[in-house]
Amino acid sequence: MSSGWATTEPTRAEIDAMAGPVLVEFGSPTCGHCRRASPLIAEVLGVFPQIRHLKIADGSGQRLGRSFRVKLWPTLVFLRDGMEVARLVRPGQVAAIRDGAALTTRSA
C-alpha cells in the first residue's frame, strides 16, 4: 500500500494501460473523510497485496480526477486491466472496500 499522496499524477493513458488489479484513491491529505477511510483501506489492502494502490492528491486543475468524474473525497476506483470494475465514494465500512477489492482481483 502507498503511504503518501502522489502530487505528480500519472496520465489517464498510463492508468488505462496498467495490467492487473489497481486501486486508484483520489483524495487529499487534509481531508477528514480521507483520514477516516485510510485505516479501512489499509486493512483491506493487507488482505489483497496483489492490488497496486495509487493515492492521488486531487484538487482544482487536476486532470486525472476530472477524467474519472471525481466530485467527493475519498473516491476509490477499482480497476482490472485498465477497466473500472467498482467505485466507492466516501467509504465508511471495510466490507464495501473488500467487495470492491474482490471484484478487482476476480478472474475475468
N, C-alpha and C. Protein backbone atom coordinates (compact mmCIF):
# COMPACT_ATOMS: atom_id res chain seq x y z
N MET A 1 0.84 -1.18 0.00
CA MET A 1 0.00 0.00 0.00
C MET A 1 0.87 1.24 0.00
N SER A 2 0.45 2.25 -0.70
CA SER A 2 1.16 3.52 -0.71
C SER A 2 0.95 4.21 0.63
N SER A 3 1.98 4.85 1.13
CA SER A 3 1.83 5.56 2.39
C SER A 3 1.53 7.03 2.20
N GLY A 4 1.98 7.60 1.07
CA GLY A 4 1.77 9.02 0.86
C GLY A 4 0.96 9.32 -0.37
N TRP A 5 0.54 10.56 -0.45
CA TRP A 5 -0.26 11.03 -1.58
C TRP A 5 0.67 11.47 -2.69
N ALA A 6 0.47 10.96 -3.90
CA ALA A 6 1.26 11.38 -5.05
C ALA A 6 0.81 12.77 -5.47
N THR A 7 1.75 13.68 -5.58
CA THR A 7 1.41 15.03 -6.03
C THR A 7 1.61 15.17 -7.53
N THR A 8 2.36 14.27 -8.11
CA THR A 8 2.50 14.21 -9.57
C THR A 8 1.66 13.03 -10.03
N GLU A 9 0.62 13.34 -10.75
CA GLU A 9 -0.31 12.28 -11.14
C GLU A 9 0.10 11.64 -12.47
N PRO A 10 -0.16 10.34 -12.60
CA PRO A 10 0.06 9.71 -13.91
C PRO A 10 -1.00 10.21 -14.88
N THR A 11 -0.79 9.94 -16.15
CA THR A 11 -1.81 10.31 -17.14
C THR A 11 -2.92 9.27 -17.13
N ARG A 12 -4.04 9.62 -17.69
CA ARG A 12 -5.15 8.67 -17.81
C ARG A 12 -4.73 7.50 -18.69
N ALA A 13 -3.96 7.77 -19.73
CA ALA A 13 -3.49 6.69 -20.61
C ALA A 13 -2.60 5.71 -19.84
N GLU A 14 -1.77 6.21 -18.93
CA GLU A 14 -0.93 5.32 -18.12
C GLU A 14 -1.78 4.45 -17.19
N ILE A 15 -2.80 5.04 -16.60
CA ILE A 15 -3.71 4.28 -15.73
C ILE A 15 -4.44 3.21 -16.56
N ASP A 16 -4.97 3.61 -17.70
CA ASP A 16 -5.73 2.68 -18.54
C ASP A 16 -4.86 1.52 -19.04
N ALA A 17 -3.56 1.73 -19.13
CA ALA A 17 -2.65 0.70 -19.64
C ALA A 17 -2.13 -0.24 -18.54
N MET A 18 -2.46 0.04 -17.28
CA MET A 18 -1.96 -0.80 -16.19
C MET A 18 -2.61 -2.17 -16.21
N ALA A 19 -1.78 -3.20 -16.16
CA ALA A 19 -2.28 -4.58 -16.14
C ALA A 19 -2.57 -5.01 -14.71
N GLY A 20 -3.55 -5.88 -14.58
CA GLY A 20 -3.87 -6.44 -13.27
C GLY A 20 -4.74 -5.53 -12.43
N PRO A 21 -4.87 -5.88 -11.13
CA PRO A 21 -5.74 -5.12 -10.24
C PRO A 21 -5.07 -3.84 -9.74
N VAL A 22 -5.81 -2.74 -9.80
CA VAL A 22 -5.33 -1.43 -9.38
C VAL A 22 -6.43 -0.73 -8.59
N LEU A 23 -6.05 -0.10 -7.51
CA LEU A 23 -6.95 0.78 -6.77
C LEU A 23 -6.40 2.19 -6.88
N VAL A 24 -7.19 3.08 -7.48
CA VAL A 24 -6.81 4.50 -7.55
C VAL A 24 -7.66 5.22 -6.51
N GLU A 25 -6.98 5.79 -5.54
CA GLU A 25 -7.64 6.51 -4.45
C GLU A 25 -7.43 8.00 -4.67
N PHE A 26 -8.52 8.73 -4.86
CA PHE A 26 -8.44 10.18 -5.02
C PHE A 26 -8.83 10.83 -3.71
N GLY A 27 -8.05 11.81 -3.27
CA GLY A 27 -8.35 12.50 -2.04
C GLY A 27 -7.35 13.58 -1.76
N SER A 28 -7.18 13.86 -0.48
CA SER A 28 -6.26 14.91 -0.05
C SER A 28 -5.76 14.57 1.35
N PRO A 29 -4.51 14.87 1.64
CA PRO A 29 -4.00 14.59 2.99
C PRO A 29 -4.69 15.44 4.06
N THR A 30 -5.37 16.50 3.68
CA THR A 30 -6.05 17.35 4.65
C THR A 30 -7.54 17.01 4.80
N CYS A 31 -8.02 16.05 4.04
CA CYS A 31 -9.44 15.68 4.04
C CYS A 31 -9.75 14.75 5.22
N GLY A 32 -10.68 15.15 6.05
CA GLY A 32 -11.07 14.33 7.20
C GLY A 32 -11.68 13.00 6.79
N HIS A 33 -12.49 12.99 5.75
CA HIS A 33 -13.08 11.74 5.26
C HIS A 33 -11.98 10.79 4.78
N CYS A 34 -10.96 11.35 4.14
CA CYS A 34 -9.84 10.53 3.64
C CYS A 34 -9.06 9.93 4.81
N ARG A 35 -8.82 10.71 5.83
CA ARG A 35 -8.08 10.20 7.01
C ARG A 35 -8.87 9.11 7.72
N ARG A 36 -10.19 9.25 7.78
CA ARG A 36 -11.01 8.21 8.42
C ARG A 36 -11.03 6.93 7.60
N ALA A 37 -11.01 7.05 6.28
CA ALA A 37 -11.05 5.87 5.41
C ALA A 37 -9.70 5.16 5.32
N SER A 38 -8.63 5.86 5.58
CA SER A 38 -7.28 5.32 5.39
C SER A 38 -7.03 3.99 6.10
N PRO A 39 -7.36 3.85 7.39
CA PRO A 39 -7.11 2.55 8.04
C PRO A 39 -8.00 1.44 7.49
N LEU A 40 -9.18 1.76 7.02
CA LEU A 40 -10.07 0.76 6.42
C LEU A 40 -9.47 0.25 5.11
N ILE A 41 -8.96 1.18 4.31
CA ILE A 41 -8.33 0.82 3.04
C ILE A 41 -7.08 -0.02 3.31
N ALA A 42 -6.29 0.39 4.28
CA ALA A 42 -5.07 -0.35 4.63
C ALA A 42 -5.39 -1.76 5.07
N GLU A 43 -6.45 -1.93 5.84
CA GLU A 43 -6.85 -3.26 6.30
C GLU A 43 -7.17 -4.17 5.11
N VAL A 44 -7.94 -3.64 4.17
CA VAL A 44 -8.32 -4.44 3.00
C VAL A 44 -7.11 -4.74 2.13
N LEU A 45 -6.26 -3.77 1.91
CA LEU A 45 -5.08 -3.99 1.07
C LEU A 45 -4.11 -4.98 1.71
N GLY A 46 -4.16 -5.12 3.02
CA GLY A 46 -3.36 -6.14 3.69
C GLY A 46 -3.81 -7.55 3.33
N VAL A 47 -5.08 -7.69 3.00
CA VAL A 47 -5.64 -8.99 2.59
C VAL A 47 -5.47 -9.22 1.09
N PHE A 48 -5.34 -8.13 0.33
CA PHE A 48 -5.21 -8.20 -1.13
C PHE A 48 -3.90 -7.52 -1.56
N PRO A 49 -2.75 -8.11 -1.22
CA PRO A 49 -1.47 -7.45 -1.53
C PRO A 49 -1.19 -7.36 -3.02
N GLN A 50 -1.91 -8.10 -3.85
CA GLN A 50 -1.69 -8.06 -5.29
C GLN A 50 -2.26 -6.80 -5.95
N ILE A 51 -3.05 -6.03 -5.20
CA ILE A 51 -3.65 -4.81 -5.76
C ILE A 51 -2.63 -3.68 -5.69
N ARG A 52 -2.36 -3.09 -6.83
CA ARG A 52 -1.50 -1.90 -6.88
C ARG A 52 -2.33 -0.71 -6.41
N HIS A 53 -1.79 0.06 -5.46
CA HIS A 53 -2.53 1.15 -4.85
C HIS A 53 -1.88 2.49 -5.22
N LEU A 54 -2.66 3.35 -5.85
CA LEU A 54 -2.19 4.69 -6.18
C LEU A 54 -3.02 5.70 -5.40
N LYS A 55 -2.35 6.51 -4.58
CA LYS A 55 -3.02 7.57 -3.82
C LYS A 55 -2.74 8.88 -4.55
N ILE A 56 -3.76 9.45 -5.14
CA ILE A 56 -3.61 10.65 -5.94
C ILE A 56 -4.18 11.85 -5.19
N ALA A 57 -3.31 12.83 -4.91
CA ALA A 57 -3.77 14.08 -4.29
C ALA A 57 -4.54 14.85 -5.35
N ASP A 58 -5.83 14.93 -5.14
CA ASP A 58 -6.73 15.54 -6.11
C ASP A 58 -7.01 16.98 -5.72
N GLY A 59 -7.46 17.75 -6.67
CA GLY A 59 -7.82 19.13 -6.38
C GLY A 59 -8.12 19.88 -7.65
N SER A 60 -8.34 21.15 -7.50
CA SER A 60 -8.66 22.01 -8.63
C SER A 60 -7.55 21.94 -9.68
N GLY A 61 -7.94 21.74 -10.92
CA GLY A 61 -6.99 21.70 -12.01
C GLY A 61 -6.30 20.36 -12.22
N GLN A 62 -6.64 19.35 -11.43
CA GLN A 62 -6.04 18.03 -11.58
C GLN A 62 -6.85 17.26 -12.62
N ARG A 63 -6.23 16.95 -13.73
CA ARG A 63 -6.94 16.34 -14.86
C ARG A 63 -7.35 14.90 -14.60
N LEU A 64 -6.53 14.13 -13.90
CA LEU A 64 -6.85 12.72 -13.72
C LEU A 64 -8.16 12.55 -12.96
N GLY A 65 -8.32 13.27 -11.87
CA GLY A 65 -9.57 13.20 -11.11
C GLY A 65 -10.78 13.59 -11.94
N ARG A 66 -10.61 14.61 -12.77
CA ARG A 66 -11.74 15.03 -13.62
C ARG A 66 -12.06 13.96 -14.64
N SER A 67 -11.03 13.26 -15.16
CA SER A 67 -11.29 12.23 -16.16
C SER A 67 -12.07 11.05 -15.57
N PHE A 68 -11.96 10.88 -14.23
CA PHE A 68 -12.72 9.83 -13.54
C PHE A 68 -14.00 10.39 -12.91
N ARG A 69 -14.32 11.65 -13.19
CA ARG A 69 -15.53 12.30 -12.66
C ARG A 69 -15.58 12.32 -11.13
N VAL A 70 -14.44 12.55 -10.50
CA VAL A 70 -14.36 12.62 -9.05
C VAL A 70 -14.96 13.93 -8.57
N LYS A 71 -15.89 13.83 -7.62
CA LYS A 71 -16.52 15.02 -7.07
C LYS A 71 -16.34 15.11 -5.55
N LEU A 72 -16.25 13.97 -4.89
CA LEU A 72 -16.08 13.93 -3.44
C LEU A 72 -14.87 13.07 -3.08
N TRP A 73 -14.28 13.35 -1.94
CA TRP A 73 -13.12 12.58 -1.46
C TRP A 73 -13.50 11.79 -0.23
N PRO A 74 -12.89 10.68 0.00
CA PRO A 74 -12.12 9.95 -1.00
C PRO A 74 -13.04 9.24 -1.99
N THR A 75 -12.56 9.12 -3.19
CA THR A 75 -13.20 8.28 -4.20
C THR A 75 -12.23 7.17 -4.53
N LEU A 76 -12.69 5.93 -4.41
CA LEU A 76 -11.88 4.76 -4.72
C LEU A 76 -12.37 4.18 -6.03
N VAL A 77 -11.45 4.05 -6.98
CA VAL A 77 -11.78 3.48 -8.28
C VAL A 77 -10.99 2.18 -8.41
N PHE A 78 -11.70 1.07 -8.48
CA PHE A 78 -11.08 -0.25 -8.61
C PHE A 78 -11.04 -0.62 -10.09
N LEU A 79 -9.84 -0.94 -10.56
CA LEU A 79 -9.64 -1.26 -11.98
C LEU A 79 -9.04 -2.65 -12.12
N ARG A 80 -9.38 -3.29 -13.19
CA ARG A 80 -8.73 -4.55 -13.58
C ARG A 80 -8.35 -4.41 -15.04
N ASP A 81 -7.06 -4.49 -15.31
CA ASP A 81 -6.54 -4.33 -16.68
C ASP A 81 -7.06 -3.06 -17.33
N GLY A 82 -7.06 -1.97 -16.57
CA GLY A 82 -7.44 -0.66 -17.09
C GLY A 82 -8.92 -0.38 -17.18
N MET A 83 -9.75 -1.34 -16.80
CA MET A 83 -11.20 -1.17 -16.86
C MET A 83 -11.78 -1.02 -15.45
N GLU A 84 -12.64 -0.06 -15.26
CA GLU A 84 -13.27 0.14 -13.95
C GLU A 84 -14.24 -1.00 -13.66
N VAL A 85 -14.08 -1.61 -12.47
CA VAL A 85 -14.98 -2.69 -12.07
C VAL A 85 -15.80 -2.32 -10.84
N ALA A 86 -15.36 -1.29 -10.11
CA ALA A 86 -16.12 -0.85 -8.93
C ALA A 86 -15.66 0.56 -8.56
N ARG A 87 -16.54 1.25 -7.83
CA ARG A 87 -16.23 2.61 -7.38
C ARG A 87 -16.91 2.82 -6.04
N LEU A 88 -16.21 3.44 -5.13
CA LEU A 88 -16.77 3.80 -3.83
C LEU A 88 -16.47 5.27 -3.55
N VAL A 89 -17.46 5.98 -3.04
CA VAL A 89 -17.28 7.37 -2.65
C VAL A 89 -17.50 7.46 -1.15
N ARG A 90 -16.51 8.00 -0.46
CA ARG A 90 -16.53 8.14 1.00
C ARG A 90 -16.89 6.83 1.70
N PRO A 91 -16.11 5.80 1.47
CA PRO A 91 -16.41 4.51 2.10
C PRO A 91 -16.29 4.60 3.62
N GLY A 92 -17.23 3.98 4.30
CA GLY A 92 -17.23 4.00 5.75
C GLY A 92 -17.15 2.63 6.38
N GLN A 93 -17.14 1.59 5.54
CA GLN A 93 -17.13 0.22 6.07
C GLN A 93 -16.11 -0.61 5.31
N VAL A 94 -15.41 -1.45 6.06
CA VAL A 94 -14.43 -2.34 5.47
C VAL A 94 -15.09 -3.26 4.45
N ALA A 95 -16.30 -3.72 4.71
CA ALA A 95 -16.97 -4.68 3.83
C ALA A 95 -17.12 -4.13 2.41
N ALA A 96 -17.48 -2.88 2.28
CA ALA A 96 -17.66 -2.29 0.95
C ALA A 96 -16.33 -2.23 0.20
N ILE A 97 -15.28 -1.87 0.90
CA ILE A 97 -13.96 -1.80 0.27
C ILE A 97 -13.50 -3.20 -0.10
N ARG A 98 -13.74 -4.15 0.77
CA ARG A 98 -13.37 -5.55 0.50
C ARG A 98 -14.11 -6.08 -0.73
N ASP A 99 -15.38 -5.71 -0.89
CA ASP A 99 -16.15 -6.14 -2.06
C ASP A 99 -15.55 -5.58 -3.34
N GLY A 100 -15.15 -4.31 -3.32
CA GLY A 100 -14.50 -3.71 -4.48
C GLY A 100 -13.19 -4.38 -4.80
N ALA A 101 -12.42 -4.68 -3.77
CA ALA A 101 -11.13 -5.36 -3.96
C ALA A 101 -11.35 -6.77 -4.54
N ALA A 102 -12.36 -7.46 -4.05
CA ALA A 102 -12.65 -8.81 -4.55
C ALA A 102 -13.02 -8.77 -6.03
N LEU A 103 -13.80 -7.77 -6.44
CA LEU A 103 -14.16 -7.65 -7.86
C LEU A 103 -12.93 -7.37 -8.71
N THR A 104 -12.00 -6.59 -8.16
CA THR A 104 -10.81 -6.22 -8.89
C THR A 104 -9.89 -7.43 -9.11
N THR A 105 -9.87 -8.32 -8.16
CA THR A 105 -8.95 -9.47 -8.24
C THR A 105 -9.59 -10.71 -8.84
N ARG A 106 -10.89 -10.68 -9.04
CA ARG A 106 -11.60 -11.83 -9.60
C ARG A 106 -11.15 -12.07 -11.04
N SER A 107 -11.00 -13.32 -11.39
CA SER A 107 -10.63 -13.68 -12.78
C SER A 107 -11.77 -13.33 -13.71
N ALA A 108 -11.40 -12.87 -14.88
CA ALA A 108 -12.43 -12.48 -15.87
C ALA A 108 -13.14 -13.67 -16.42
